Amino acid sequence: MEKPIFIVGANRSGTTLLRLILNSHSQVAVPDELVYFRGAMFHRAPTHWKVNTLSPEHYEIFVRDFLDRNREELGPLDLEQLAREIVARGVAEGQAPDMRLPYKHALESWARHYGKVRWGEKTPGNIFYAAEIREMFPDSKFVCMVRDPRAGVLSMQKASFYSTDPVINALNRLHFMTEGLKIMEAAIPAEDRTIIRYEDLLADPETTTRNLCSFLELDFEPEMFRYYEKADQYMKAAAATDINAAAKQPILQKKAESWRSGMNTKDVATVEAIFGDTMQTFSYDVEGELPNLPTRASIWVRQHYWKYHMWRNRQVPDYQVMHGFLPRFRKRAGAGQSLSSQR
């Protein structure tokens, strides 16, 4: 059985927790997220994955670059041996290998290393490449994680690689939960995709996981809930001690409502205003407080700023604005104010 499993959704939605739970199944292997489908890896649009115009020399460079970029994620595999296998397999097939081969072979090898028969991959942004992935793997299964936008934005603001601007973070998140979801739903048949709310996984992990196993055609195994015992083994060191440290602990239901104590009322109103009816689509209740006029003006300005940067990077489907509003200007203004205060 191949039927690869793709875990997708907005970042900070519990995709790592779900990956670790599935990875604790006796048959499933899901490594940390790989960098593959972005255009920079292909040197072309991913839609052209079937046609490899690279020379043998450049193809080998591409393979080695892919493996090197994911060195930590694919450990403890012998990447030199893996590169030779991928290149040799392409030559043995008697034609230029397509761009699926490096990705597929690396994931199959990772699964075999752990004695697993079925592989998966957890990269949230792959929701925007669902059509290409489905073409590559016609029997693939997609699991999309969603989370209360207020909790998701709060979590993003705590992550060092995102800005602390709730508007920018909310817009990034909305893009995944609307445009990304549309792409997945258009590309993946209903019987091969499912949506899991992070809150449902925390509130009733056994029922949620049993339903997921049924969808994935797996037997439920209680060992899946002991994922935290080996979490360090399957996580990058930096993530295991920082943004995903909580994934090394048993499931805590109280995390679902952490935004109530961690987010001020202004930011709550901001996120709710940006998401609008989308929150109710996923059964998240709205507090109902409307942002005041200055906050609405701030949202409007930042929306246009966000749209401009998304347009500039439109060739990257899963692009996110990772910086706050006018970061260079604010940095210069802050430096000037500091100098003034010293005079």
C-alpha atoms as a PDB file:
ATOM      1  CA  MET A   1       0.000   0.000   0.000  1.00  0.00           C
ATOM      2  CA  GLU A   2       1.376   3.394  -0.943  1.00  0.00           C
ATOM      3  CA  LYS A   3      -1.423   5.968  -0.468  1.00  0.00           C
ATOM      4  CA  PRO A   4       0.884   8.693   0.864  1.00  0.00           C
ATOM      5  CA  ILE A   5      -0.492  11.025   3.504  1.00  0.00           C
ATOM      6  CA  PHE A   6      -0.123  14.803   3.198  1.00  0.00           C
ATOM      7  CA  ILE A   7      -0.738  16.935   6.287  1.00  0.00           C
ATOM      8  CA  VAL A   8      -1.467  20.526   5.284  1.00  0.00           C
ATOM      9  CA  GLY A   9      -3.074  23.706   6.624  1.00  0.00           C
ATOM     10  CA  ALA A  10      -2.058  27.045   8.034  1.00  0.00           C
ATOM     11  CA  ASN A  11       1.117  27.110  10.124  1.00  0.00           C
ATOM     12  CA  ARG A  12       0.622  26.872  13.890  1.00  0.00           C
ATOM     13  CA  SER A  13      -2.516  24.760  13.523  1.00  0.00           C
ATOM     14  CA  GLY A  14      -1.365  21.565  15.197  1.00  0.00           C
ATOM     15  CA  THR A  15       0.153  19.963  12.108  1.00  0.00           C
ATOM     16  CA  THR A  16       3.252  18.958  14.083  1.00  0.00           C
ATOM     17  CA  LEU A  17       1.165  17.309  16.803  1.00  0.00           C
ATOM     18  CA  LEU A  18      -0.783  15.361  14.196  1.00  0.00           C
ATOM     19  CA  ARG A  19       2.435  14.376  12.411  1.00  0.00           C
ATOM     20  CA  LEU A  20       3.908  12.962  15.613  1.00  0.00           C
ATOM     21  CA  ILE A  21       0.714  11.059  16.422  1.00  0.00           C
ATOM     22  CA  LEU A  22       0.622   9.477  12.953  1.00  0.00           C
ATOM     23  CA  ASN A  23       4.345   8.843  13.000  1.00  0.00           C
ATOM     24  CA  SER A  24       3.822   6.738  16.136  1.00  0.00           C
ATOM     25  CA  HIS A  25       1.678   4.303  14.141  1.00  0.00           C
ATOM     26  CA  SER A  26       3.450   1.038  13.375  1.00  0.00           C
ATOM     27  CA  GLN A  27       2.904   1.442   9.625  1.00  0.00           C
ATOM     28  CA  VAL A  28       3.332   5.194   9.034  1.00  0.00           C
ATOM     29  CA  ALA A  29       6.417   7.391   8.730  1.00  0.00           C
ATOM     30  CA  VAL A  30       6.068  11.176   8.527  1.00  0.00           C
ATOM     31  CA  PRO A  31       9.301  13.192   8.774  1.00  0.00           C
ATOM     32  CA  ASP A  32       9.598  16.847   9.647  1.00  0.00           C
ATOM     33  CA  GLU A  33       8.526  19.162   6.820  1.00  0.00           C
ATOM     34  CA  LEU A  34      10.630  19.172   3.671  1.00  0.00           C
ATOM     35  CA  VAL A  35      11.339  22.040   1.302  1.00  0.00           C
ATOM     36  CA  TYR A  36      10.468  20.800  -2.155  1.00  0.00           C
ATOM     37  CA  PHE A  37       7.552  22.294  -4.044  1.00  0.00           C
ATOM     38  CA  ARG A  38       8.548  25.929  -4.035  1.00  0.00           C
ATOM     39  CA  GLY A  39       9.617  27.113  -7.483  1.00  0.00           C
ATOM     40  CA  ALA A  40      13.153  27.818  -6.297  1.00  0.00           C
ATOM     41  CA  MET A  41      13.660  24.085  -5.799  1.00  0.00           C
ATOM     42  CA  PHE A  42      12.450  23.180  -9.255  1.00  0.00           C
ATOM     43  CA  HIS A  43      13.967  26.147 -11.101  1.00  0.00           C
ATOM     44  CA  ARG A  44      10.567  26.100 -12.820  1.00  0.00           C
ATOM     45  CA  ALA A  45       6.869  25.996 -11.973  1.00  0.00           C
ATOM     46  CA  PRO A  46       5.911  22.756 -10.156  1.00  0.00           C
ATOM     47  CA  THR A  47       3.238  22.223 -12.814  1.00  0.00           C
ATOM     48  CA  HIS A  48       6.079  21.165 -15.116  1.00  0.00           C
ATOM     49  CA  TRP A  49       7.196  18.316 -12.883  1.00  0.00           C
ATOM     50  CA  LYS A  50       6.689  15.649 -15.587  1.00  0.00           C
ATOM     51  CA  VAL A  51       9.239  17.190 -17.938  1.00  0.00           C
ATOM     52  CA  ASN A  52      12.862  17.247 -16.847  1.00  0.00           C
ATOM     53  CA  THR A  53      14.965  19.420 -19.135  1.00  0.00           C
ATOM     54  CA  LEU A  54      17.994  19.319 -16.858  1.00  0.00           C
ATOM     55  CA  SER A  55      21.168  17.724 -18.143  1.00  0.00           C
ATOM     56  CA  PRO A  56      22.411  14.698 -16.151  1.00  0.00           C
ATOM     57  CA  GLU A  57      24.967  16.936 -14.451  1.00  0.00           C
ATOM     58  CA  HIS A  58      22.416  19.576 -13.475  1.00  0.00           C
ATOM     59  CA  TYR A  59      19.928  16.934 -12.394  1.00  0.00           C
ATOM     60  CA  GLU A  60      22.484  15.524  -9.984  1.00  0.00           C
ATOM     61  CA  ILE A  61      23.140  19.039  -8.679  1.00  0.00           C
ATOM     62  CA  PHE A  62      19.404  19.472  -8.151  1.00  0.00           C
ATOM     63  CA  VAL A  63      19.155  16.160  -6.266  1.00  0.00           C
ATOM     64  CA  ARG A  64      22.096  16.950  -4.023  1.00  0.00           C
ATOM     65  CA  ASP A  65      20.796  20.451  -3.356  1.00  0.00           C
ATOM     66  CA  PHE A  66      17.402  19.068  -2.325  1.00  0.00           C
ATOM     67  CA  LEU A  67      18.960  16.542   0.032  1.00  0.00           C
ATOM     68  CA  ASP A  68      21.371  19.074   1.493  1.00  0.00           C
ATOM     69  CA  ARG A  69      18.559  21.556   2.197  1.00  0.00           C
ATOM     70  CA  ASN A  70      16.742  18.829   4.104  1.00  0.00           C
ATOM     71  CA  ARG A  71      19.753  17.294   5.785  1.00  0.00           C
ATOM     72  CA  GLU A  72      18.364  17.574   9.305  1.00  0.00           C
ATOM     73  CA  GLU A  73      14.856  16.462   8.323  1.00  0.00           C
ATOM     74  CA  LEU A  74      16.119  13.337   6.535  1.00  0.00           C
ATOM     75  CA  GLY A  75      18.595  12.299   9.183  1.00  0.00           C
ATOM     76  CA  PRO A  76      19.828   9.696   9.950  1.00  0.00           C
ATOM     77  CA  LEU A  77      19.833   8.620   6.278  1.00  0.00           C
ATOM     78  CA  ASP A  78      23.106   8.404   4.355  1.00  0.00           C
ATOM     79  CA  LEU A  79      22.465  11.299   1.989  1.00  0.00           C
ATOM     80  CA  GLU A  80      25.451  10.531  -0.220  1.00  0.00           C
ATOM     81  CA  GLN A  81      24.164   7.023  -0.838  1.00  0.00           C
ATOM     82  CA  LEU A  82      20.643   8.366  -1.284  1.00  0.00           C
ATOM     83  CA  ALA A  83      21.824  10.843  -3.949  1.00  0.00           C
ATOM     84  CA  ARG A  84      23.584   8.064  -5.856  1.00  0.00           C
ATOM     85  CA  GLU A  85      20.475   5.879  -5.705  1.00  0.00           C
ATOM     86  CA  ILE A  86      18.192   8.620  -7.033  1.00  0.00           C
ATOM     87  CA  VAL A  87      20.497   9.528  -9.909  1.00  0.00           C
ATOM     88  CA  ALA A  88      21.186   5.887 -10.795  1.00  0.00           C
ATOM     89  CA  ARG A  89      17.495   5.007 -10.679  1.00  0.00           C
ATOM     90  CA  GLY A  90      16.736   7.798 -13.110  1.00  0.00           C
ATOM     91  CA  VAL A  91      19.345   6.548 -15.549  1.00  0.00           C
ATOM     92  CA  ALA A  92      18.167   2.957 -15.198  1.00  0.00           C
ATOM     93  CA  GLU A  93      14.661   3.938 -16.255  1.00  0.00           C
ATOM     94  CA  GLY A  94      16.090   4.867 -19.643  1.00  0.00           C
ATOM     95  CA  GLN A  95      14.751   8.393 -19.781  1.00  0.00           C
ATOM     96  CA  ALA A  96      15.130  11.710 -18.074  1.00  0.00           C
ATOM     97  CA  PRO A  97      13.704  11.176 -14.563  1.00  0.00           C
ATOM     98  CA  ASP A  98      10.734  13.352 -13.640  1.00  0.00           C
ATOM     99  CA  MET A  99      10.865  15.735 -10.709  1.00  0.00           C
ATOM    100  CA  ARG A 100       8.798  13.413  -8.520  1.00  0.00           C
ATOM    101  CA  LEU A 101      11.591  10.874  -8.152  1.00  0.00           C
ATOM    102  CA  PRO A 102      13.881  12.663  -5.628  1.00  0.00           C
ATOM    103  CA  TYR A 103      10.969  13.538  -3.354  1.00  0.00           C
ATOM    104  CA  LYS A 104       9.340  10.101  -3.527  1.00  0.00           C
ATOM    105  CA  HIS A 105      12.559   8.128  -3.131  1.00  0.00           C
ATOM    106  CA  ALA A 106      13.728  10.202  -0.163  1.00  0.00           C
ATOM    107  CA  LEU A 107      10.433   9.708   1.686  1.00  0.00           C
ATOM    108  CA  GLU A 108      10.278   5.997   0.867  1.00  0.00           C
ATOM    109  CA  SER A 109      13.836   5.598   2.149  1.00  0.00           C
ATOM    110  CA  TRP A 110      13.029   7.447   5.361  1.00  0.00           C
ATOM    111  CA  ALA A 111      10.044   5.150   5.950  1.00  0.00           C
ATOM    112  CA  ARG A 112      12.075   2.007   5.267  1.00  0.00           C
ATOM    113  CA  HIS A 113      14.746   3.157   7.710  1.00  0.00           C
ATOM    114  CA  TYR A 114      12.152   3.052  10.493  1.00  0.00           C
ATOM    115  CA  GLY A 115      10.583  -0.184   9.293  1.00  0.00           C
ATOM    116  CA  LYS A 116       7.398   1.506   8.079  1.00  0.00           C
ATOM    117  CA  VAL A 117       5.449   0.578   4.948  1.00  0.00           C
ATOM    118  CA  ARG A 118       3.612   3.843   4.346  1.00  0.00           C
ATOM    119  CA  TRP A 119       5.010   7.345   4.152  1.00  0.00           C
ATOM    120  CA  GLY A 120       3.596  10.804   4.617  1.00  0.00           C
ATOM    121  CA  GLU A 121       4.766  14.393   4.584  1.00  0.00           C
ATOM    122  CA  LYS A 122       3.833  17.397   6.722  1.00  0.00           C
ATOM    123  CA  THR A 123       4.408  20.744   5.066  1.00  0.00           C
ATOM    124  CA  PRO A 124       1.551  23.201   5.732  1.00  0.00           C
ATOM    125  CA  GLY A 125       2.148  25.139   2.495  1.00  0.00           C
ATOM    126  CA  ASN A 126       1.664  22.031   0.372  1.00  0.00           C
ATOM    127  CA  ILE A 127      -2.049  22.849   0.430  1.00  0.00           C
ATOM    128  CA  PHE A 128      -1.264  25.262  -2.427  1.00  0.00           C
ATOM    129  CA  TYR A 129       0.390  22.454  -4.435  1.00  0.00           C
ATOM    130  CA  ALA A 130      -2.419  19.940  -3.987  1.00  0.00           C
ATOM    131  CA  ALA A 131      -3.033  19.665  -7.740  1.00  0.00           C
ATOM    132  CA  GLU A 132       0.609  18.852  -8.522  1.00  0.00           C
ATOM    133  CA  ILE A 133       0.861  16.422  -5.618  1.00  0.00           C
ATOM    134  CA  ARG A 134      -2.312  14.648  -6.700  1.00  0.00           C
ATOM    135  CA  GLU A 135      -0.899  14.279 -10.212  1.00  0.00           C
ATOM    136  CA  MET A 136       2.284  12.816  -8.763  1.00  0.00           C
ATOM    137  CA  PHE A 137       0.446  10.538  -6.335  1.00  0.00           C
ATOM    138  CA  PRO A 138      -3.087   9.755  -7.591  1.00  0.00           C
ATOM    139  CA  ASP A 139      -3.908   7.685  -4.487  1.00  0.00           C
ATOM    140  CA  SER A 140      -2.753  10.324  -1.987  1.00  0.00           C
ATOM    141  CA  LYS A 141      -4.756  11.269   1.102  1.00  0.00           C
ATOM    142  CA  PHE A 142      -4.908  14.858   2.380  1.00  0.00           C
ATOM    143  CA  VAL A 143      -5.462  15.864   6.001  1.00  0.00           C
ATOM    144  CA  CYS A 144      -6.011  19.589   6.535  1.00  0.00           C
ATOM    145  CA  MET A 145      -5.647  20.965  10.049  1.00  0.00           C
ATOM    146  CA  VAL A 146      -7.556  24.098  11.055  1.00  0.00           C
ATOM    147  CA  ARG A 147      -7.428  26.051  14.285  1.00  0.00           C
ATOM    148  CA  ASP A 148      -9.331  28.906  15.883  1.00  0.00           C
ATOM    149  CA  PRO A 149      -7.857  31.940  14.062  1.00  0.00           C
ATOM    150  CA  ARG A 150      -7.431  33.829  17.336  1.00  0.00           C
ATOM    151  CA  ALA A 151      -5.327  31.048  18.827  1.00  0.00           C
ATOM    152  CA  GLY A 152      -3.482  30.587  15.540  1.00  0.00           C
ATOM    153  CA  VAL A 153      -2.562  34.261  15.267  1.00  0.00           C
ATOM    154  CA  LEU A 154      -1.422  34.351  18.893  1.00  0.00           C
ATOM    155  CA  SER A 155       0.795  31.329  18.250  1.00  0.00           C
ATOM    156  CA  MET A 156       2.222  32.957  15.107  1.00  0.00           C
ATOM    157  CA  GLN A 157       3.109  36.068  17.078  1.00  0.00           C
ATOM    158  CA  LYS A 158       5.135  33.950  19.492  1.00  0.00           C
ATOM    159  CA  ALA A 159       7.112  32.315  16.687  1.00  0.00           C
ATOM    160  CA  SER A 160      10.382  34.066  15.869  1.00  0.00           C
ATOM    161  CA  PHE A 161       9.965  33.675  12.100  1.00  0.00           C
ATOM    162  CA  TYR A 162       6.670  35.615  12.009  1.00  0.00           C
ATOM    163  CA  SER A 163       6.073  39.273  12.757  1.00  0.00           C
ATOM    164  CA  THR A 164       4.243  40.421  15.865  1.00  0.00           C
ATOM    165  CA  ASP A 165       1.665  42.250  13.738  1.00  0.00           C
ATOM    166  CA  PRO A 166      -1.742  40.563  14.307  1.00  0.00           C
ATOM    167  CA  VAL A 167      -3.185  41.996  11.087  1.00  0.00           C
ATOM    168  CA  ILE A 168      -0.421  40.619   8.854  1.00  0.00           C
ATOM    169  CA  ASN A 169      -0.514  37.260  10.630  1.00  0.00           C
ATOM    170  CA  ALA A 170      -4.305  37.073  10.388  1.00  0.00           C
ATOM    171  CA  LEU A 171      -4.216  37.839   6.656  1.00  0.00           C
ATOM    172  CA  ASN A 172      -1.606  35.117   6.092  1.00  0.00           C
ATOM    173  CA  ARG A 173      -3.781  32.688   7.985  1.00  0.00           C
ATOM    174  CA  LEU A 174      -6.956  33.668   6.163  1.00  0.00           C
ATOM    175  CA  HIS A 175      -5.181  33.096   2.837  1.00  0.00           C
ATOM    176  CA  PHE A 176      -4.447  29.485   3.827  1.00  0.00           C
ATOM    177  CA  MET A 177      -7.962  28.845   5.174  1.00  0.00           C
ATOM    178  CA  THR A 178      -9.713  30.254   2.101  1.00  0.00           C
ATOM    179  CA  GLU A 179      -7.580  30.235  -1.052  1.00  0.00           C
ATOM    180  CA  GLY A 180      -5.490  27.257   0.037  1.00  0.00           C
ATOM    181  CA  LEU A 181      -8.560  25.276   0.987  1.00  0.00           C
ATOM    182  CA  LYS A 182     -10.220  26.057  -2.361  1.00  0.00           C
ATOM    183  CA  ILE A 183      -7.187  24.664  -4.191  1.00  0.00           C
ATOM    184  CA  MET A 184      -7.208  21.489  -2.128  1.00  0.00           C
ATOM    185  CA  GLU A 185     -10.943  20.947  -2.517  1.00  0.00           C
ATOM    186  CA  ALA A 186     -10.741  21.461  -6.290  1.00  0.00           C
ATOM    187  CA  ALA A 187      -7.810  19.059  -6.697  1.00  0.00           C
ATOM    188  CA  ILE A 188      -8.568  16.295  -4.201  1.00  0.00           C
ATOM    189  CA  PRO A 189     -11.751  14.185  -4.385  1.00  0.00           C
ATOM    190  CA  ALA A 190     -13.932  14.436  -1.288  1.00  0.00           C
ATOM    191  CA  GLU A 191     -13.256  10.815  -0.323  1.00  0.00           C
ATOM    192  CA  ASP A 192      -9.512  11.492  -0.214  1.00  0.00           C
ATOM    193  CA  ARG A 193      -9.470  14.645   1.927  1.00  0.00           C
ATOM    194  CA  THR A 194     -10.562  15.496   5.429  1.00  0.00           C
ATOM    195  CA  ILE A 195     -10.457  18.489   7.757  1.00  0.00           C
ATOM    196  CA  ILE A 196      -9.567  18.176  11.442  1.00  0.00           C
ATOM    197  CA  ARG A 197     -10.055  20.972  13.911  1.00  0.00           C
ATOM    198  CA  TYR A 198      -7.173  21.307  16.347  1.00  0.00           C
ATOM    199  CA  GLU A 199      -9.686  21.877  19.158  1.00  0.00           C
ATOM    200  CA  ASP A 200     -11.451  18.579  18.415  1.00  0.00           C
ATOM    201  CA  LEU A 201      -8.139  16.732  18.541  1.00  0.00           C
ATOM    202  CA  LEU A 202      -7.437  18.221  21.976  1.00  0.00           C
ATOM    203  CA  ALA A 203     -10.968  17.763  23.342  1.00  0.00           C
ATOM    204  CA  ASP A 204     -11.461  14.159  22.239  1.00  0.00           C
ATOM    205  CA  PRO A 205      -8.181  12.768  20.931  1.00  0.00           C
ATOM    206  CA  GLU A 206      -9.274   9.141  20.782  1.00  0.00           C
ATOM    207  CA  THR A 207     -12.454   9.679  18.763  1.00  0.00           C
ATOM    208  CA  THR A 208     -10.735  12.160  16.453  1.00  0.00           C
ATOM    209  CA  THR A 209      -7.784   9.837  15.900  1.00  0.00           C
ATOM    210  CA  ARG A 210      -9.975   6.774  15.381  1.00  0.00           C
ATOM    211  CA  ASN A 211     -11.937   8.663  12.729  1.00  0.00           C
ATOM    212  CA  LEU A 212      -8.681   9.744  11.100  1.00  0.00           C
ATOM    213  CA  CYS A 213      -7.382   6.179  11.058  1.00  0.00           C
ATOM    214  CA  SER A 214     -10.606   5.036   9.417  1.00  0.00           C
ATOM    215  CA  PHE A 215     -10.218   7.725   6.748  1.00  0.00           C
ATOM    216  CA  LEU A 216      -6.591   6.692   6.144  1.00  0.00           C
ATOM    217  CA  GLU A 217      -7.504   2.964   6.100  1.00  0.00           C
ATOM    218  CA  LEU A 218      -5.383   2.256   9.154  1.00  0.00           C
ATOM    219  CA  ASP A 219      -6.077   0.256  12.279  1.00  0.00           C
ATOM    220  CA  PHE A 220      -6.208   2.464  15.362  1.00  0.00           C
ATOM    221  CA  GLU A 221      -3.288   1.865  17.733  1.00  0.00           C
ATOM    222  CA  PRO A 222      -3.260   3.171  21.338  1.00  0.00           C
ATOM    223  CA  GLU A 223       0.505   3.623  21.008  1.00  0.00           C
ATOM    224  CA  MET A 224      -0.193   6.652  18.844  1.00  0.00           C
ATOM    225  CA  PHE A 225      -0.910   8.641  22.024  1.00  0.00           C
ATOM    226  CA  ARG A 226       2.575   7.952  23.356  1.00  0.00           C
ATOM    227  CA  TYR A 227       4.024  10.078  20.557  1.00  0.00           C
ATOM    228  CA  TYR A 228       5.739  12.411  23.033  1.00  0.00           C
ATOM    229  CA  GLU A 229       8.059   9.669  24.298  1.00  0.00           C
ATOM    230  CA  LYS A 230      10.031   9.716  21.029  1.00  0.00           C
ATOM    231  CA  ALA A 231       9.154  13.195  19.813  1.00  0.00           C
ATOM    232  CA  ASP A 232      12.751  14.436  20.083  1.00  0.00           C
ATOM    233  CA  GLN A 233      13.855  11.715  17.690  1.00  0.00           C
ATOM    234  CA  TYR A 234      11.547  12.983  14.963  1.00  0.00           C
ATOM    235  CA  MET A 235      11.894  16.744  15.398  1.00  0.00           C
ATOM    236  CA  LYS A 236      14.521  19.281  14.440  1.00  0.00           C
ATOM    237  CA  ALA A 237      16.508  20.308  17.498  1.00  0.00           C
ATOM    238  CA  ALA A 238      15.586  23.997  17.221  1.00  0.00           C
ATOM    239  CA  ALA A 239      11.859  23.302  16.914  1.00  0.00           C
ATOM    240  CA  ALA A 240      11.868  20.723  19.704  1.00  0.00           C
ATOM    241  CA  THR A 241      13.209  23.277  22.177  1.00  0.00           C
ATOM    242  CA  ASP A 242      11.290  26.302  20.924  1.00  0.00           C
ATOM    243  CA  ILE A 243       8.106  26.659  18.875  1.00  0.00           C
ATOM    244  CA  ASN A 244       7.100  22.986  19.028  1.00  0.00           C
ATOM    245  CA  ALA A 245       8.297  22.172  22.523  1.00  0.00           C
ATOM    246  CA  ALA A 246       4.705  21.523  23.620  1.00  0.00           C
ATOM    247  CA  ALA A 247       4.519  18.623  21.141  1.00  0.00           C
ATOM    248  CA  LYS A 248       6.849  16.701  23.457  1.00  0.00           C
ATOM    249  CA  GLN A 249       4.110  16.569  26.095  1.00  0.00           C
ATOM    250  CA  PRO A 250       0.842  14.646  26.350  1.00  0.00           C
ATOM    251  CA  ILE A 251      -2.205  16.349  24.827  1.00  0.00           C
ATOM    252  CA  LEU A 252      -3.429  19.272  26.949  1.00  0.00           C
ATOM    253  CA  GLN A 253      -7.041  20.283  26.310  1.00  0.00           C
ATOM    254  CA  LYS A 254      -6.602  23.699  27.959  1.00  0.00           C
ATOM    255  CA  LYS A 255      -4.341  24.847  25.107  1.00  0.00           C
ATOM    256  CA  ALA A 256      -7.396  25.209  22.887  1.00  0.00           C
ATOM    257  CA  GLU A 257      -8.555  28.301  24.797  1.00  0.00           C
ATOM    258  CA  SER A 258      -5.138  29.820  25.486  1.00  0.00           C
ATOM    259  CA  TRP A 259      -5.975  32.860  23.373  1.00  0.00           C
ATOM    260  CA  ARG A 260      -8.534  34.015  25.935  1.00  0.00           C
ATOM    261  CA  SER A 261      -5.824  34.815  28.453  1.00  0.00           C
ATOM    262  CA  GLY A 262      -2.996  35.520  26.022  1.00  0.00           C
ATOM    263  CA  MET A 263      -4.640  37.942  23.564  1.00  0.00           C
ATOM    264  CA  ASN A 264      -5.963  41.419  24.331  1.00  0.00           C
ATOM    265  CA  THR A 265      -9.469  42.464  23.296  1.00  0.00           C
ATOM    266  CA  LYS A 266      -8.194  44.744  20.527  1.00  0.00           C
ATOM    267  CA  ASP A 267      -6.339  41.897  18.820  1.00  0.00           C
ATOM    268  CA  VAL A 268      -9.308  39.561  19.266  1.00  0.00           C
ATOM    269  CA  ALA A 269     -11.584  42.121  17.573  1.00  0.00           C
ATOM    270  CA  THR A 270      -8.984  42.602  14.814  1.00  0.00           C
ATOM    271  CA  VAL A 271      -8.762  38.896  14.000  1.00  0.00           C
ATOM    272  CA  GLU A 272     -12.535  38.463  14.063  1.00  0.00           C
ATOM    273  CA  ALA A 273     -13.025  41.450  11.762  1.00  0.00           C
ATOM    274  CA  ILE A 274     -10.505  40.070   9.235  1.00  0.00           C
ATOM    275  CA  PHE A 275     -11.937  36.551   9.237  1.00  0.00           C
ATOM    276  CA  GLY A 276     -15.608  37.491   9.281  1.00  0.00           C
ATOM    277  CA  ASP A 277     -17.881  34.591   8.267  1.00  0.00           C
ATOM    278  CA  THR A 278     -14.903  32.283   7.721  1.00  0.00           C
ATOM    279  CA  MET A 279     -14.788  31.683  11.471  1.00  0.00           C
ATOM    280  CA  GLN A 280     -18.360  30.426  11.490  1.00  0.00           C
ATOM    281  CA  THR A 281     -17.597  28.199   8.492  1.00  0.00           C
ATOM    282  CA  PHE A 282     -15.343  26.198  10.816  1.00  0.00           C
ATOM    283  CA  SER A 283     -17.734  26.486  13.807  1.00  0.00           C
ATOM    284  CA  TYR A 284     -15.747  29.066  15.763  1.00  0.00           C
ATOM    285  CA  ASP A 285     -17.927  31.446  17.763  1.00  0.00           C
ATOM    286  CA  VAL A 286     -17.323  35.165  17.410  1.00  0.00           C
ATOM    287  CA  GLU A 287     -17.024  37.311  20.546  1.00  0.00           C
ATOM    288  CA  GLY A 288     -18.789  40.099  18.701  1.00  0.00           C
ATOM    289  CA  GLU A 289     -16.799  43.170  19.748  1.00  0.00           C
ATOM    290  CA  LEU A 290     -16.181  45.426  16.742  1.00  0.00           C
ATOM    291  CA  PRO A 291     -12.827  47.182  16.281  1.00  0.00           C
ATOM    292  CA  ASN A 292     -12.892  50.944  16.797  1.00  0.00           C
ATOM    293  CA  LEU A 293     -12.316  53.434  13.996  1.00  0.00           C
ATOM    294  CA  PRO A 294      -8.500  53.751  14.414  1.00  0.00           C
ATOM    295  CA  THR A 295      -8.186  49.951  14.447  1.00  0.00           C
ATOM    296  CA  ARG A 296     -10.314  49.617  11.309  1.00  0.00           C
ATOM    297  CA  ALA A 297      -8.129  52.221   9.600  1.00  0.00           C
ATOM    298  CA  SER A 298      -5.010  50.306  10.649  1.00  0.00           C
ATOM    299  CA  ILE A 299      -6.482  47.077   9.265  1.00  0.00           C
ATOM    300  CA  TRP A 300      -7.341  48.750   5.949  1.00  0.00           C
ATOM    301  CA  VAL A 301      -3.811  50.125   5.484  1.00  0.00           C
ATOM    302  CA  ARG A 302      -2.172  46.826   6.388  1.00  0.00           C
ATOM    303  CA  GLN A 303      -4.484  44.878   4.098  1.00  0.00           C
ATOM    304  CA  HIS A 304      -3.279  46.916   1.135  1.00  0.00           C
ATOM    305  CA  TYR A 305       0.319  46.547   2.261  1.00  0.00           C
ATOM    306  CA  TRP A 306      -0.149  42.756   2.562  1.00  0.00           C
ATOM    307  CA  LYS A 307      -1.861  42.516  -0.848  1.00  0.00           C
ATOM    308  CA  TYR A 308       0.998  44.427  -2.467  1.00  0.00           C
ATOM    309  CA  HIS A 309       3.616  41.999  -1.130  1.00  0.00           C
ATOM    310  CA  MET A 310       1.499  39.007  -2.061  1.00  0.00           C
ATOM    311  CA  TRP A 311       1.209  40.378  -5.600  1.00  0.00           C
ATOM    312  CA  ARG A 312       4.974  40.906  -5.809  1.00  0.00           C
ATOM    313  CA  ASN A 313       5.507  37.258  -4.820  1.00  0.00           C
ATOM    314  CA  ARG A 314       2.565  35.812  -6.750  1.00  0.00           C
ATOM    315  CA  GLN A 315       4.853  33.248  -8.434  1.00  0.00           C
ATOM    316  CA  VAL A 316       5.186  31.506  -5.033  1.00  0.00           C
ATOM    317  CA  PRO A 317       1.726  30.091  -4.212  1.00  0.00           C
ATOM    318  CA  ASP A 318       2.465  29.472  -0.523  1.00  0.00           C
ATOM    319  CA  TYR A 319       4.146  32.836   0.057  1.00  0.00           C
ATOM    320  CA  GLN A 320       3.510  34.533   3.392  1.00  0.00           C
ATOM    321  CA  VAL A 321       4.395  38.052   4.510  1.00  0.00           C
ATOM    322  CA  MET A 322       6.757  37.324   7.385  1.00  0.00           C
ATOM    323  CA  HIS A 323       7.524  40.910   8.394  1.00  0.00           C
ATOM    324  CA  GLY A 324       5.392  43.605   9.966  1.00  0.00           C
ATOM    325  CA  PHE A 325       4.089  46.794   8.419  1.00  0.00           C
ATOM    326  CA  LEU A 326       6.892  48.949   6.892  1.00  0.00           C
ATOM    327  CA  PRO A 327       9.663  47.258   8.946  1.00  0.00           C
ATOM    328  CA  ARG A 328      12.526  49.272   7.438  1.00  0.00           C
ATOM    329  CA  PHE A 329      10.778  52.593   7.990  1.00  0.00           C
ATOM    330  CA  ARG A 330       9.914  51.710  11.565  1.00  0.00           C
ATOM    331  CA  LYS A 331      13.457  50.561  12.224  1.00  0.00           C
ATOM    332  CA  ARG A 332      14.876  53.831  10.887  1.00  0.00           C
ATOM    333  CA  ALA A 333      12.300  55.870  12.808  1.00  0.00           C
ATOM    334  CA  GLY A 334      13.127  54.002  15.988  1.00  0.00           C
ATOM    335  CA  ALA A 335      16.850  54.552  15.454  1.00  0.00           C
ATOM    336  CA  GLY A 336      16.272  58.279  14.864  1.00  0.00           C
ATOM    337  CA  GLN A 337      14.194  58.587  18.007  1.00  0.00           C
ATOM    338  CA  SER A 338      16.860  56.829  19.981  1.00  0.00           C
ATOM    339  CA  LEU A 339      19.545  59.168  18.693  1.00  0.00           C
ATOM    340  CA  SER A 340      17.385  62.188  19.465  1.00  0.00           C
ATOM    341  CA  SER A 341      16.870  61.066  23.008  1.00  0.00           C
ATOM    342  CA  GLN A 342      20.620  60.833  23.524  1.00  0.00           C
ATOM    343  CA  ARG A 343      21.217  64.442  22.554  1.00  0.00           C
END
